[in-house]
Structures are given as C-alpha cells and as structure tokens.
C-alpha cells in the first residue's frame, strides 16, 4: 500500500504504531484513490465494513 500511495519508508514504519496506523491507512487509501483517478473521499470509505469490498472491486475493475 505504501508503494502504491507513493509514500516514503517512514509511512511504512508508522503502520506499526497503534492508533496511528488507522490514520496512516486512511491517508494511504486516499492517495491510492487519487492516483487511480477517483476523488479522495473514496479512500475514506475503506473504513466502512462490507463497503470496502465494493470499493476494492471498483478500484480494480471500475472506470473513474
């Protein structure tokens, strides 16, 4: 995820800190969504259970 979001190695290290990792994951998903041509709020939706499966499917096969 860190490589897809084009973030530095420090972002990967921050994933191991409890509670900080939740914020880092959301920021990384927002960056991935923007990189795929979607708006950044699509990355925020990744924290919603069961909706994240749809978001992943949309990122993989959908058109932005």
N, C-alpha and C. Protein backbone atom coordinates (compact mmCIF):
# COMPACT_ATOMS: atom_id res chain seq x y z
N UNK A 1 0.82 -1.19 0.00
CA UNK A 1 0.00 0.00 0.00
C UNK A 1 0.87 1.25 0.00
N UNK A 2 1.94 1.21 0.76
CA UNK A 2 2.80 2.38 0.85
C UNK A 2 3.44 2.68 -0.50
N UNK A 3 3.80 1.65 -1.21
CA UNK A 3 4.41 1.85 -2.53
C UNK A 3 3.37 2.34 -3.54
N UNK A 4 2.15 1.82 -3.48
CA UNK A 4 1.09 2.28 -4.37
C UNK A 4 0.72 3.73 -4.12
N UNK A 5 0.75 4.14 -2.86
CA UNK A 5 0.41 5.51 -2.50
C UNK A 5 1.58 6.46 -2.73
N UNK A 6 2.73 5.92 -3.12
CA UNK A 6 3.95 6.70 -3.36
C UNK A 6 4.37 7.49 -2.12
N UNK A 7 4.38 6.81 -0.99
CA UNK A 7 4.82 7.41 0.26
C UNK A 7 6.21 6.90 0.62
N UNK A 8 6.86 7.57 1.54
CA UNK A 8 8.21 7.20 1.96
C UNK A 8 8.19 6.00 2.90
N UNK A 9 9.38 5.51 3.22
CA UNK A 9 9.53 4.36 4.11
C UNK A 9 9.03 4.68 5.52
N UNK A 10 9.10 5.92 5.93
CA UNK A 10 8.65 6.30 7.27
C UNK A 10 7.15 6.02 7.44
N UNK A 11 6.39 6.11 6.35
CA UNK A 11 4.97 5.81 6.42
C UNK A 11 4.75 4.34 6.72
N UNK A 12 5.60 3.48 6.17
CA UNK A 12 5.51 2.05 6.46
C UNK A 12 5.81 1.79 7.93
N UNK A 13 6.80 2.47 8.48
CA UNK A 13 7.17 2.30 9.88
C UNK A 13 6.05 2.78 10.80
N UNK A 14 5.36 3.85 10.40
CA UNK A 14 4.26 4.38 11.21
C UNK A 14 3.08 3.40 11.30
N UNK A 15 3.00 2.46 10.38
CA UNK A 15 1.92 1.47 10.43
C UNK A 15 2.02 0.54 11.64
N UNK A 16 3.19 0.48 12.27
CA UNK A 16 3.37 -0.39 13.42
C UNK A 16 3.05 0.28 14.76
N UNK A 17 2.67 1.55 14.73
CA UNK A 17 2.32 2.28 15.95
C UNK A 17 0.80 2.20 16.14
N UNK A 18 0.35 1.66 17.28
CA UNK A 18 -1.10 1.52 17.49
C UNK A 18 -1.82 2.87 17.43
N UNK A 19 -3.01 2.88 16.89
CA UNK A 19 -3.89 4.03 16.71
C UNK A 19 -3.39 5.00 15.65
N UNK A 20 -2.10 5.15 15.48
CA UNK A 20 -1.57 5.97 14.40
C UNK A 20 -1.76 5.24 13.08
N UNK A 21 -1.69 3.92 13.13
CA UNK A 21 -1.81 3.14 11.90
C UNK A 21 -3.17 3.31 11.23
N UNK A 22 -4.22 3.55 11.99
CA UNK A 22 -5.54 3.75 11.41
C UNK A 22 -5.56 5.02 10.57
N UNK A 23 -4.97 6.07 11.08
CA UNK A 23 -4.91 7.33 10.35
C UNK A 23 -4.03 7.19 9.11
N UNK A 24 -2.91 6.49 9.25
CA UNK A 24 -1.98 6.30 8.13
C UNK A 24 -2.65 5.48 7.03
N UNK A 25 -3.38 4.46 7.39
CA UNK A 25 -4.06 3.63 6.39
C UNK A 25 -5.10 4.44 5.62
N UNK A 26 -5.84 5.29 6.32
CA UNK A 26 -6.83 6.12 5.64
C UNK A 26 -6.16 7.09 4.68
N UNK A 27 -5.07 7.70 5.11
CA UNK A 27 -4.34 8.63 4.25
C UNK A 27 -3.78 7.91 3.03
N UNK A 28 -3.27 6.70 3.23
CA UNK A 28 -2.73 5.94 2.10
C UNK A 28 -3.84 5.54 1.12
N UNK A 29 -5.00 5.13 1.62
CA UNK A 29 -6.10 4.78 0.72
C UNK A 29 -6.60 6.00 -0.04
N UNK A 30 -6.57 7.17 0.61
CA UNK A 30 -6.96 8.39 -0.08
C UNK A 30 -5.99 8.70 -1.22
N UNK A 31 -4.70 8.50 -0.98
CA UNK A 31 -3.69 8.74 -2.02
C UNK A 31 -3.83 7.74 -3.15
N UNK A 32 -4.14 6.48 -2.82
CA UNK A 32 -4.33 5.46 -3.85
C UNK A 32 -5.55 5.80 -4.70
N UNK A 33 -6.63 6.24 -4.08
CA UNK A 33 -7.84 6.62 -4.82
C UNK A 33 -7.55 7.77 -5.78
N UNK A 34 -6.83 8.77 -5.31
CA UNK A 34 -6.49 9.90 -6.18
C UNK A 34 -5.58 9.45 -7.33
N UNK A 35 -4.68 8.55 -7.05
CA UNK A 35 -3.77 8.06 -8.09
C UNK A 35 -4.52 7.26 -9.15
N UNK A 36 -5.61 6.60 -8.76
CA UNK A 36 -6.41 5.83 -9.71
C UNK A 36 -7.43 6.69 -10.46
N UNK A 37 -7.52 7.96 -10.12
CA UNK A 37 -8.42 8.86 -10.81
C UNK A 37 -9.73 9.12 -10.09
N UNK A 38 -9.89 8.61 -8.90
CA UNK A 38 -11.09 8.84 -8.10
C UNK A 38 -10.84 10.00 -7.15
N UNK A 39 -11.91 10.50 -6.56
CA UNK A 39 -11.76 11.54 -5.55
C UNK A 39 -11.27 10.92 -4.25
N UNK A 40 -10.66 11.71 -3.40
CA UNK A 40 -10.02 11.18 -2.20
C UNK A 40 -11.01 10.60 -1.20
N UNK A 41 -12.27 11.03 -1.21
CA UNK A 41 -13.23 10.51 -0.23
C UNK A 41 -13.52 9.04 -0.46
N UNK A 42 -13.22 8.50 -1.64
CA UNK A 42 -13.36 7.06 -1.87
C UNK A 42 -12.43 6.29 -0.95
N UNK A 43 -11.28 6.84 -0.64
CA UNK A 43 -10.35 6.20 0.28
C UNK A 43 -10.85 6.19 1.70
N UNK A 44 -11.59 7.21 2.08
CA UNK A 44 -12.15 7.26 3.43
C UNK A 44 -13.21 6.17 3.62
N UNK A 45 -13.92 5.83 2.56
CA UNK A 45 -14.95 4.80 2.64
C UNK A 45 -14.39 3.41 2.90
N UNK A 46 -13.09 3.24 2.78
CA UNK A 46 -12.48 1.94 3.03
C UNK A 46 -12.60 1.49 4.49
N UNK A 47 -12.94 2.40 5.40
CA UNK A 47 -13.07 2.01 6.81
C UNK A 47 -14.46 1.45 7.13
N UNK A 48 -15.40 1.55 6.18
CA UNK A 48 -16.75 1.06 6.40
C UNK A 48 -16.79 -0.44 6.08
N UNK A 49 -17.16 -1.27 7.05
CA UNK A 49 -17.21 -2.72 6.79
C UNK A 49 -18.17 -3.06 5.66
N UNK A 50 -17.81 -4.06 4.88
CA UNK A 50 -18.54 -4.58 3.74
C UNK A 50 -18.59 -3.61 2.56
N UNK A 51 -18.56 -2.32 2.81
CA UNK A 51 -18.49 -1.36 1.71
C UNK A 51 -17.09 -1.36 1.11
N UNK A 52 -16.10 -1.72 1.91
CA UNK A 52 -14.73 -1.75 1.41
C UNK A 52 -14.54 -2.80 0.33
N UNK A 53 -15.32 -3.87 0.34
CA UNK A 53 -15.23 -4.86 -0.73
C UNK A 53 -15.68 -4.26 -2.06
N UNK A 54 -16.74 -3.47 -2.03
CA UNK A 54 -17.20 -2.78 -3.23
C UNK A 54 -16.16 -1.78 -3.72
N UNK A 55 -15.56 -1.05 -2.80
CA UNK A 55 -14.56 -0.05 -3.17
C UNK A 55 -13.37 -0.73 -3.84
N UNK A 56 -12.90 -1.83 -3.27
CA UNK A 56 -11.79 -2.56 -3.88
C UNK A 56 -12.16 -3.07 -5.27
N UNK A 57 -13.38 -3.58 -5.43
CA UNK A 57 -13.84 -4.04 -6.74
C UNK A 57 -13.88 -2.88 -7.73
N UNK A 58 -14.34 -1.75 -7.25
CA UNK A 58 -14.42 -0.56 -8.12
C UNK A 58 -13.03 -0.08 -8.52
N UNK A 59 -12.09 -0.09 -7.58
CA UNK A 59 -10.71 0.30 -7.90
C UNK A 59 -10.10 -0.66 -8.92
N UNK A 60 -10.40 -1.94 -8.80
CA UNK A 60 -9.78 -2.92 -9.67
C UNK A 60 -10.41 -2.95 -11.06
N UNK A 61 -11.74 -2.86 -11.14
CA UNK A 61 -12.41 -3.08 -12.42
C UNK A 61 -13.23 -1.91 -12.93
N UNK A 62 -13.47 -0.91 -12.10
CA UNK A 62 -14.34 0.20 -12.50
C UNK A 62 -13.63 1.27 -13.29
N UNK A 63 -14.42 2.12 -13.87
CA UNK A 63 -13.91 3.28 -14.58
C UNK A 63 -14.07 4.51 -13.69
N UNK A 64 -13.03 5.30 -13.53
CA UNK A 64 -13.17 6.51 -12.68
C UNK A 64 -14.09 7.54 -13.29
